Amino acid sequence: YTGSGIEPGRDGQPELRITYGSGKNKVLLTEKTADNPAGDYELLGCFNNVNKGSSAIILIRGTGDTFRGVRAVKFRIAARGVNTRWGGVYGQ
């Protein structure tokens, strides 16, 4: 929780890892961007993504020939720890 919108996969935000398959066949997918036009998915947006404890939603669209369609994925926003809140100077 930061008081601002949480958007996994964006600069300074939590990491977004989208995979396909399982076990030794598991593949990490890549985001389609200007630098990576051959990516496997694109982020369409995040909703209900500000308050801690809320069930936020990220919309992801598959791109290319292998992955198609739109998927809504829920994620939970957790409270920040004391060290994060105080910039790591707690107890000094």
C-alpha atoms as a PDB file:
ATOM      1  CA  TYR A   1       0.000   0.000   0.000  1.00  0.00           C
ATOM      2  CA  THR A   2       1.401   3.369  -1.026  1.00  0.00           C
ATOM      3  CA  GLY A   3      -1.691   5.585  -1.237  1.00  0.00           C
ATOM      4  CA  SER A   4      -1.250   5.656  -5.026  1.00  0.00           C
ATOM      5  CA  GLY A   5      -2.306   3.195  -7.694  1.00  0.00           C
ATOM      6  CA  ILE A   6      -0.359  -0.102  -7.770  1.00  0.00           C
ATOM      7  CA  GLU A   7       0.435  -1.234 -11.322  1.00  0.00           C
ATOM      8  CA  PRO A   8       2.477  -4.437 -11.384  1.00  0.00           C
ATOM      9  CA  GLY A   9       5.131  -4.469 -14.065  1.00  0.00           C
ATOM     10  CA  ARG A  10       5.598  -0.694 -14.234  1.00  0.00           C
ATOM     11  CA  ASP A  11       8.740   1.202 -13.168  1.00  0.00           C
ATOM     12  CA  GLY A  12       9.060   1.283  -9.387  1.00  0.00           C
ATOM     13  CA  GLN A  13       6.134  -1.134  -8.956  1.00  0.00           C
ATOM     14  CA  PRO A  14       5.973  -4.807  -7.964  1.00  0.00           C
ATOM     15  CA  GLU A  15       7.278  -7.269 -10.550  1.00  0.00           C
ATOM     16  CA  LEU A  16       4.753  -8.820 -12.935  1.00  0.00           C
ATOM     17  CA  ARG A  17       5.541 -12.381 -14.003  1.00  0.00           C
ATOM     18  CA  ILE A  18       3.175 -14.036 -16.472  1.00  0.00           C
ATOM     19  CA  THR A  19       3.924 -17.632 -17.320  1.00  0.00           C
ATOM     20  CA  TYR A  20       2.490 -20.293 -19.582  1.00  0.00           C
ATOM     21  CA  GLY A  21       2.654 -24.038 -18.995  1.00  0.00           C
ATOM     22  CA  SER A  22       3.950 -25.843 -15.930  1.00  0.00           C
ATOM     23  CA  GLY A  23       6.937 -27.752 -14.612  1.00  0.00           C
ATOM     24  CA  LYS A  24       9.869 -27.940 -17.019  1.00  0.00           C
ATOM     25  CA  ASN A  25       7.595 -26.642 -19.802  1.00  0.00           C
ATOM     26  CA  LYS A  26       6.894 -23.359 -17.959  1.00  0.00           C
ATOM     27  CA  VAL A  27       7.718 -20.303 -20.091  1.00  0.00           C
ATOM     28  CA  LEU A  28       7.983 -16.682 -18.918  1.00  0.00           C
ATOM     29  CA  LEU A  29       6.019 -14.435 -21.274  1.00  0.00           C
ATOM     30  CA  THR A  30       7.170 -10.957 -22.299  1.00  0.00           C
ATOM     31  CA  GLU A  31       5.229  -7.707 -22.504  1.00  0.00           C
ATOM     32  CA  LYS A  32       4.621  -6.140 -25.906  1.00  0.00           C
ATOM     33  CA  THR A  33       6.210  -2.671 -25.881  1.00  0.00           C
ATOM     34  CA  ALA A  34       7.739  -0.251 -28.382  1.00  0.00           C
ATOM     35  CA  ASP A  35      11.116  -1.877 -27.600  1.00  0.00           C
ATOM     36  CA  ASN A  36       9.662  -5.406 -27.812  1.00  0.00           C
ATOM     37  CA  PRO A  37       6.949  -5.463 -30.529  1.00  0.00           C
ATOM     38  CA  ALA A  38       7.006  -9.278 -30.584  1.00  0.00           C
ATOM     39  CA  GLY A  39       5.881  -9.559 -26.943  1.00  0.00           C
ATOM     40  CA  ASP A  40       3.277 -12.093 -25.831  1.00  0.00           C
ATOM     41  CA  TYR A  41       0.891  -9.738 -23.994  1.00  0.00           C
ATOM     42  CA  GLU A  42       0.037  -6.110 -23.345  1.00  0.00           C
ATOM     43  CA  LEU A  43      -1.306  -4.492 -20.194  1.00  0.00           C
ATOM     44  CA  LEU A  44      -4.655  -2.804 -20.755  1.00  0.00           C
ATOM     45  CA  GLY A  45      -5.044  -1.285 -17.299  1.00  0.00           C
ATOM     46  CA  CYS A  46      -5.473  -1.687 -13.559  1.00  0.00           C
ATOM     47  CA  PHE A  47      -8.658  -1.130 -11.601  1.00  0.00           C
ATOM     48  CA  ASN A  48      -9.498  -0.843  -7.884  1.00  0.00           C
ATOM     49  CA  ASN A  49      -5.732  -0.672  -7.333  1.00  0.00           C
ATOM     50  CA  VAL A  50      -5.217   1.975  -4.619  1.00  0.00           C
ATOM     51  CA  ASN A  51      -6.451   0.760  -1.219  1.00  0.00           C
ATOM     52  CA  LYS A  52      -4.813  -2.006   0.822  1.00  0.00           C
ATOM     53  CA  GLY A  53      -6.840  -5.149   1.251  1.00  0.00           C
ATOM     54  CA  SER A  54      -8.788  -4.518  -1.936  1.00  0.00           C
ATOM     55  CA  SER A  55      -9.065  -7.045  -4.736  1.00  0.00           C
ATOM     56  CA  ALA A  56      -7.374  -5.098  -7.498  1.00  0.00           C
ATOM     57  CA  ILE A  57      -7.682  -6.201 -11.108  1.00  0.00           C
ATOM     58  CA  ILE A  58      -5.179  -6.030 -13.939  1.00  0.00           C
ATOM     59  CA  LEU A  59      -6.367  -6.545 -17.532  1.00  0.00           C
ATOM     60  CA  ILE A  60      -3.998  -8.395 -19.854  1.00  0.00           C
ATOM     61  CA  ARG A  61      -4.480  -9.024 -23.577  1.00  0.00           C
ATOM     62  CA  GLY A  62      -2.640 -11.801 -25.381  1.00  0.00           C
ATOM     63  CA  THR A  63      -0.940 -10.732 -28.598  1.00  0.00           C
ATOM     64  CA  GLY A  64       0.464 -12.547 -31.598  1.00  0.00           C
ATOM     65  CA  ASP A  65      -0.509 -15.988 -32.857  1.00  0.00           C
ATOM     66  CA  THR A  66       0.015 -17.997 -29.670  1.00  0.00           C
ATOM     67  CA  PHE A  67      -1.877 -15.999 -27.032  1.00  0.00           C
ATOM     68  CA  ARG A  68      -5.189 -14.271 -27.715  1.00  0.00           C
ATOM     69  CA  GLY A  69      -8.032 -12.755 -25.764  1.00  0.00           C
ATOM     70  CA  VAL A  70      -8.323 -10.649 -22.626  1.00  0.00           C
ATOM     71  CA  ARG A  71      -7.842 -11.925 -19.094  1.00  0.00           C
ATOM     72  CA  ALA A  72      -8.749 -10.154 -15.851  1.00  0.00           C
ATOM     73  CA  VAL A  73      -6.402 -11.192 -13.036  1.00  0.00           C
ATOM     74  CA  LYS A  74      -7.022 -10.277  -9.392  1.00  0.00           C
ATOM     75  CA  PHE A  75      -4.237  -9.290  -7.023  1.00  0.00           C
ATOM     76  CA  ARG A  76      -4.283  -8.167  -3.407  1.00  0.00           C
ATOM     77  CA  ILE A  77      -2.686  -4.980  -2.110  1.00  0.00           C
ATOM     78  CA  ALA A  78      -0.843  -5.587   1.166  1.00  0.00           C
ATOM     79  CA  ALA A  79       0.088  -3.057   3.817  1.00  0.00           C
ATOM     80  CA  ARG A  80       3.664  -1.780   3.749  1.00  0.00           C
ATOM     81  CA  GLY A  81       6.037  -2.959   6.448  1.00  0.00           C
ATOM     82  CA  VAL A  82       7.430  -0.530   9.033  1.00  0.00           C
ATOM     83  CA  ASN A  83      10.891  -0.486   7.425  1.00  0.00           C
ATOM     84  CA  THR A  84       9.405   0.415   4.058  1.00  0.00           C
ATOM     85  CA  ARG A  85       7.181   3.093   5.548  1.00  0.00           C
ATOM     86  CA  TRP A  86      10.084   4.730   7.367  1.00  0.00           C
ATOM     87  CA  GLY A  87      12.605   4.319   4.568  1.00  0.00           C
ATOM     88  CA  GLY A  88      14.593   1.676   6.486  1.00  0.00           C
ATOM     89  CA  VAL A  89      15.545   3.996   9.374  1.00  0.00           C
ATOM     90  CA  TYR A  90      13.206   2.480  11.956  1.00  0.00           C
ATOM     91  CA  GLY A  91      14.888   2.106  15.334  1.00  0.00           C
ATOM     92  CA  GLN A  92      17.817   4.431  14.612  1.00  0.00           C
END
